[in-house]
Amino acid sequence: MIISNLFQAFGAPIILAVVDGRKEWVFGSDRFPIFADLIGEKWEGPVPGVTSKL
């Protein structure tokens, strides 16, 4: 079975966070800030401390 059909998720990665005993599904790499908030962490981007050269 295709995992997106199994969990009704349309994105990668698919992360299951258990927060206070309840399951929270997070899918898509653009959802890392939401995932961090769920687990009580601060999202600082993929490479903290590095600024863009653009």
N, C-alpha and C. Protein backbone atom coordinates (compact mmCIF):
# COMPACT_ATOMS: atom_id res chain seq x y z
N MET A 1 0.84 -1.18 0.00
CA MET A 1 0.00 0.00 0.00
C MET A 1 0.88 1.24 0.00
N ILE A 2 0.50 2.22 -0.75
CA ILE A 2 1.23 3.48 -0.79
C ILE A 2 1.01 4.22 0.51
N ILE A 3 2.09 4.71 1.11
CA ILE A 3 1.99 5.33 2.44
C ILE A 3 1.07 6.55 2.45
N SER A 4 1.02 7.31 1.35
CA SER A 4 0.13 8.48 1.33
C SER A 4 -1.34 8.05 1.39
N ASN A 5 -1.66 6.89 0.84
CA ASN A 5 -3.02 6.38 0.93
C ASN A 5 -3.30 5.86 2.34
N LEU A 6 -2.33 5.23 2.94
CA LEU A 6 -2.51 4.65 4.27
C LEU A 6 -2.77 5.73 5.32
N PHE A 7 -2.02 6.81 5.28
CA PHE A 7 -2.13 7.86 6.29
C PHE A 7 -2.82 9.11 5.79
N GLN A 8 -3.26 9.13 4.55
CA GLN A 8 -3.88 10.29 3.92
C GLN A 8 -2.99 11.52 4.04
N ALA A 9 -1.72 11.32 3.80
CA ALA A 9 -0.72 12.38 3.88
C ALA A 9 -0.17 12.63 2.47
N PHE A 10 0.01 13.87 2.14
CA PHE A 10 0.50 14.22 0.82
C PHE A 10 1.71 15.12 0.97
N GLY A 11 2.83 14.55 1.28
CA GLY A 11 4.06 15.29 1.45
C GLY A 11 5.10 14.38 2.08
N ALA A 12 6.31 14.83 2.07
CA ALA A 12 7.38 14.08 2.70
C ALA A 12 8.26 15.08 3.42
N PRO A 13 8.74 14.77 4.54
CA PRO A 13 8.57 13.52 5.29
C PRO A 13 7.22 13.48 6.00
N ILE A 14 6.86 12.27 6.44
CA ILE A 14 5.67 12.08 7.26
C ILE A 14 6.17 11.81 8.68
N ILE A 15 5.75 12.63 9.63
CA ILE A 15 6.22 12.53 11.01
C ILE A 15 5.03 12.31 11.92
N LEU A 16 5.12 11.35 12.82
CA LEU A 16 4.11 11.13 13.84
C LEU A 16 4.68 11.61 15.16
N ALA A 17 4.07 12.63 15.73
CA ALA A 17 4.48 13.14 17.03
C ALA A 17 3.40 12.77 18.04
N VAL A 18 3.79 12.16 19.15
CA VAL A 18 2.84 11.87 20.21
C VAL A 18 3.03 12.94 21.27
N VAL A 19 2.02 13.80 21.41
CA VAL A 19 2.09 14.94 22.32
C VAL A 19 0.99 14.80 23.36
N ASP A 20 1.39 14.70 24.61
CA ASP A 20 0.42 14.53 25.70
C ASP A 20 -0.52 13.37 25.45
N GLY A 21 0.02 12.29 24.91
CA GLY A 21 -0.76 11.09 24.68
C GLY A 21 -1.61 11.09 23.42
N ARG A 22 -1.60 12.17 22.64
CA ARG A 22 -2.39 12.17 21.41
C ARG A 22 -1.46 12.23 20.20
N LYS A 23 -1.90 11.59 19.13
CA LYS A 23 -1.09 11.51 17.91
C LYS A 23 -1.33 12.75 17.06
N GLU A 24 -0.24 13.34 16.61
CA GLU A 24 -0.29 14.48 15.71
C GLU A 24 0.53 14.14 14.47
N TRP A 25 -0.10 14.09 13.32
CA TRP A 25 0.59 13.81 12.07
C TRP A 25 1.03 15.12 11.43
N VAL A 26 2.28 15.18 11.04
CA VAL A 26 2.84 16.35 10.36
C VAL A 26 3.47 15.83 9.08
N PHE A 27 3.10 16.42 7.95
CA PHE A 27 3.70 15.95 6.71
C PHE A 27 4.07 17.13 5.83
N GLY A 28 5.23 17.00 5.21
CA GLY A 28 5.77 18.04 4.34
C GLY A 28 6.92 18.78 5.02
N SER A 29 7.98 18.99 4.27
CA SER A 29 9.16 19.64 4.86
C SER A 29 8.91 21.10 5.23
N ASP A 30 7.87 21.70 4.67
CA ASP A 30 7.55 23.08 5.04
C ASP A 30 6.82 23.16 6.37
N ARG A 31 6.57 22.02 7.01
CA ARG A 31 5.86 21.99 8.29
C ARG A 31 6.78 21.83 9.50
N PHE A 32 8.09 21.91 9.30
CA PHE A 32 9.01 21.77 10.43
C PHE A 32 8.76 22.80 11.53
N PRO A 33 8.43 24.06 11.21
CA PRO A 33 8.11 25.00 12.29
C PRO A 33 6.90 24.56 13.12
N ILE A 34 5.90 23.98 12.47
CA ILE A 34 4.72 23.48 13.18
C ILE A 34 5.11 22.30 14.06
N PHE A 35 5.91 21.39 13.51
CA PHE A 35 6.37 20.23 14.28
C PHE A 35 7.17 20.68 15.50
N ALA A 36 8.07 21.62 15.32
CA ALA A 36 8.88 22.13 16.43
C ALA A 36 7.99 22.71 17.52
N ASP A 37 6.98 23.46 17.13
CA ASP A 37 6.05 24.04 18.10
C ASP A 37 5.31 22.95 18.86
N LEU A 38 4.91 21.89 18.17
CA LEU A 38 4.20 20.78 18.82
C LEU A 38 5.03 20.14 19.94
N ILE A 39 6.34 20.02 19.70
CA ILE A 39 7.19 19.36 20.69
C ILE A 39 7.88 20.35 21.62
N GLY A 40 7.49 21.64 21.52
CA GLY A 40 8.02 22.64 22.43
C GLY A 40 9.42 23.11 22.12
N GLU A 41 9.80 23.05 20.87
CA GLU A 41 11.13 23.50 20.44
C GLU A 41 11.00 24.71 19.53
N LYS A 42 12.10 25.43 19.34
CA LYS A 42 12.14 26.57 18.43
C LYS A 42 12.78 26.12 17.12
N TRP A 43 12.12 26.39 16.00
CA TRP A 43 12.67 26.05 14.68
C TRP A 43 13.54 27.21 14.22
N GLU A 44 14.80 26.93 13.98
CA GLU A 44 15.74 27.96 13.55
C GLU A 44 16.20 27.75 12.12
N GLY A 45 15.48 26.94 11.38
CA GLY A 45 15.83 26.67 9.99
C GLY A 45 16.73 25.47 9.85
N PRO A 46 17.02 25.08 8.62
CA PRO A 46 17.81 23.88 8.39
C PRO A 46 19.27 24.00 8.81
N VAL A 47 19.81 25.21 8.80
CA VAL A 47 21.20 25.43 9.20
C VAL A 47 21.24 26.65 10.13
N PRO A 48 21.01 26.44 11.43
CA PRO A 48 20.96 27.57 12.37
C PRO A 48 22.27 28.36 12.36
N GLY A 49 22.14 29.67 12.45
CA GLY A 49 23.31 30.53 12.55
C GLY A 49 23.93 30.94 11.23
N VAL A 50 23.44 30.41 10.13
CA VAL A 50 23.99 30.75 8.81
C VAL A 50 22.99 31.66 8.11
N THR A 51 23.46 32.77 7.60
CA THR A 51 22.59 33.68 6.88
C THR A 51 22.76 33.49 5.37
N SER A 52 21.75 33.89 4.64
CA SER A 52 21.77 33.77 3.19
C SER A 52 22.81 34.70 2.58
N LYS A 53 23.41 34.26 1.50
CA LYS A 53 24.39 35.09 0.79
C LYS A 53 23.75 35.86 -0.35
N LEU A 54 22.44 35.76 -0.47
CA LEU A 54 21.75 36.47 -1.57
C LEU A 54 21.54 37.91 -1.23
